[in-house]
Amino acid sequence: MSEYIIDIPDEIMQQAKTLAQQKQMSLNQFFASLITENSMQPVDNSLIQQRAKNANIAMFQSVLKKIPVHQRISGDEIPR
């Protein structure tokens, strides 16, 4: 586990304390969760982009054709 000291404006610290209390978390857990959420975002996006490159549209469309017409929702169609 690492420690890092940062300067936070009093107003922001008070907001963080309030939010942490509302979420029933310690201030340390609250900050750790914020850092985790924000640091993982680029990783998640790159994974999705990589998987999209490997997508097989023909296979996807064949699976969609198996869904009965009455279950489709307007607006969910693939543009052609």
C-alpha atoms as a PDB file:
ATOM      1  CA  MET A   1       0.000   0.000   0.000  1.00  0.00           C
ATOM      2  CA  SER A   2       1.320   3.462  -0.867  1.00  0.00           C
ATOM      3  CA  GLU A   3       0.812   6.785   0.828  1.00  0.00           C
ATOM      4  CA  TYR A   4       0.642  10.110  -0.952  1.00  0.00           C
ATOM      5  CA  ILE A   5       0.075  13.509   0.635  1.00  0.00           C
ATOM      6  CA  ILE A   6      -1.913  16.073  -1.363  1.00  0.00           C
ATOM      7  CA  ASP A   7      -3.206  19.577  -0.691  1.00  0.00           C
ATOM      8  CA  ILE A   8      -6.961  19.877  -1.144  1.00  0.00           C
ATOM      9  CA  PRO A   9      -8.918  23.126  -0.826  1.00  0.00           C
ATOM     10  CA  ASP A  10     -11.058  23.211   2.330  1.00  0.00           C
ATOM     11  CA  GLU A  11     -14.336  23.445   0.381  1.00  0.00           C
ATOM     12  CA  ILE A  12     -13.551  20.356  -1.680  1.00  0.00           C
ATOM     13  CA  MET A  13     -12.412  18.448   1.393  1.00  0.00           C
ATOM     14  CA  GLN A  14     -15.683  19.263   3.138  1.00  0.00           C
ATOM     15  CA  GLN A  15     -17.658  18.071   0.107  1.00  0.00           C
ATOM     16  CA  ALA A  16     -15.602  14.864   0.022  1.00  0.00           C
ATOM     17  CA  LYS A  17     -16.246  14.254   3.731  1.00  0.00           C
ATOM     18  CA  THR A  18     -19.972  14.781   3.229  1.00  0.00           C
ATOM     19  CA  LEU A  19     -20.110  12.441   0.219  1.00  0.00           C
ATOM     20  CA  ALA A  20     -18.044   9.790   1.990  1.00  0.00           C
ATOM     21  CA  GLN A  21     -20.397   9.947   4.971  1.00  0.00           C
ATOM     22  CA  GLN A  22     -23.437   9.642   2.700  1.00  0.00           C
ATOM     23  CA  LYS A  23     -21.905   6.577   1.075  1.00  0.00           C
ATOM     24  CA  GLN A  24     -20.961   5.208   4.509  1.00  0.00           C
ATOM     25  CA  MET A  25     -17.301   5.068   3.524  1.00  0.00           C
ATOM     26  CA  SER A  26     -14.163   6.301   5.175  1.00  0.00           C
ATOM     27  CA  LEU A  27     -12.562   9.309   3.527  1.00  0.00           C
ATOM     28  CA  ASN A  28      -9.657   7.082   2.517  1.00  0.00           C
ATOM     29  CA  GLN A  29     -12.017   4.576   0.847  1.00  0.00           C
ATOM     30  CA  PHE A  30     -13.845   7.417  -0.884  1.00  0.00           C
ATOM     31  CA  PHE A  31     -10.674   8.878  -2.416  1.00  0.00           C
ATOM     32  CA  ALA A  32      -9.358   5.422  -3.322  1.00  0.00           C
ATOM     33  CA  SER A  33     -12.619   4.599  -5.114  1.00  0.00           C
ATOM     34  CA  LEU A  34     -12.493   7.875  -7.080  1.00  0.00           C
ATOM     35  CA  ILE A  35      -8.908   7.246  -8.134  1.00  0.00           C
ATOM     36  CA  THR A  36      -9.686   3.652  -9.100  1.00  0.00           C
ATOM     37  CA  GLU A  37     -12.733   4.626 -11.163  1.00  0.00           C
ATOM     38  CA  ASN A  38     -10.855   7.347 -13.008  1.00  0.00           C
ATOM     39  CA  SER A  39      -7.649   5.409 -13.583  1.00  0.00           C
ATOM     40  CA  MET A  40      -9.483   2.378 -14.993  1.00  0.00           C
ATOM     41  CA  GLN A  41     -11.516   4.350 -17.545  1.00  0.00           C
ATOM     42  CA  PRO A  42      -8.807   4.448 -20.286  1.00  0.00           C
ATOM     43  CA  VAL A  43      -8.139   0.726 -19.805  1.00  0.00           C
ATOM     44  CA  ASP A  44     -11.821  -0.101 -20.194  1.00  0.00           C
ATOM     45  CA  ASN A  45     -12.161   2.042 -23.331  1.00  0.00           C
ATOM     46  CA  SER A  46      -9.126   0.494 -24.993  1.00  0.00           C
ATOM     47  CA  LEU A  47     -10.443  -2.993 -24.256  1.00  0.00           C
ATOM     48  CA  ILE A  48     -13.792  -2.139 -25.834  1.00  0.00           C
ATOM     49  CA  GLN A  49     -12.084  -0.601 -28.873  1.00  0.00           C
ATOM     50  CA  GLN A  50      -9.904  -3.692 -29.319  1.00  0.00           C
ATOM     51  CA  ARG A  51     -12.891  -6.004 -29.084  1.00  0.00           C
ATOM     52  CA  ALA A  52     -14.798  -3.856 -31.588  1.00  0.00           C
ATOM     53  CA  LYS A  53     -11.959  -4.274 -34.100  1.00  0.00           C
ATOM     54  CA  ASN A  54     -12.383  -8.045 -33.829  1.00  0.00           C
ATOM     55  CA  ALA A  55     -16.173  -7.950 -34.245  1.00  0.00           C
ATOM     56  CA  ASN A  56     -17.776 -10.101 -36.913  1.00  0.00           C
ATOM     57  CA  ILE A  57     -20.729  -8.067 -38.220  1.00  0.00           C
ATOM     58  CA  ALA A  58     -22.090 -10.932 -40.342  1.00  0.00           C
ATOM     59  CA  MET A  59     -22.184 -13.226 -37.304  1.00  0.00           C
ATOM     60  CA  PHE A  60     -23.822 -10.499 -35.240  1.00  0.00           C
ATOM     61  CA  GLN A  61     -26.499  -9.980 -37.873  1.00  0.00           C
ATOM     62  CA  SER A  62     -27.157 -13.726 -38.102  1.00  0.00           C
ATOM     63  CA  VAL A  63     -27.760 -13.819 -34.353  1.00  0.00           C
ATOM     64  CA  LEU A  64     -30.105 -10.833 -34.603  1.00  0.00           C
ATOM     65  CA  LYS A  65     -32.130 -12.612 -37.287  1.00  0.00           C
ATOM     66  CA  LYS A  66     -32.917 -15.362 -34.761  1.00  0.00           C
ATOM     67  CA  ILE A  67     -34.750 -12.878 -32.548  1.00  0.00           C
ATOM     68  CA  PRO A  68     -38.483 -12.810 -33.293  1.00  0.00           C
ATOM     69  CA  VAL A  69     -39.605  -9.565 -34.945  1.00  0.00           C
ATOM     70  CA  HIS A  70     -41.990  -8.652 -32.121  1.00  0.00           C
ATOM     71  CA  GLN A  71     -39.071  -8.510 -29.646  1.00  0.00           C
ATOM     72  CA  ARG A  72     -37.133  -5.879 -31.569  1.00  0.00           C
ATOM     73  CA  ILE A  73     -37.281  -2.344 -30.254  1.00  0.00           C
ATOM     74  CA  SER A  74     -37.581   0.509 -32.723  1.00  0.00           C
ATOM     75  CA  GLY A  75     -34.239   2.297 -33.007  1.00  0.00           C
ATOM     76  CA  ASP A  76     -32.144  -0.798 -32.271  1.00  0.00           C
ATOM     77  CA  GLU A  77     -31.693  -1.654 -35.949  1.00  0.00           C
ATOM     78  CA  ILE A  78     -28.230  -1.680 -37.512  1.00  0.00           C
ATOM     79  CA  PRO A  79     -27.903   1.127 -40.072  1.00  0.00           C
ATOM     80  CA  ARG A  80     -27.125  -0.137 -43.555  1.00  0.00           C
END
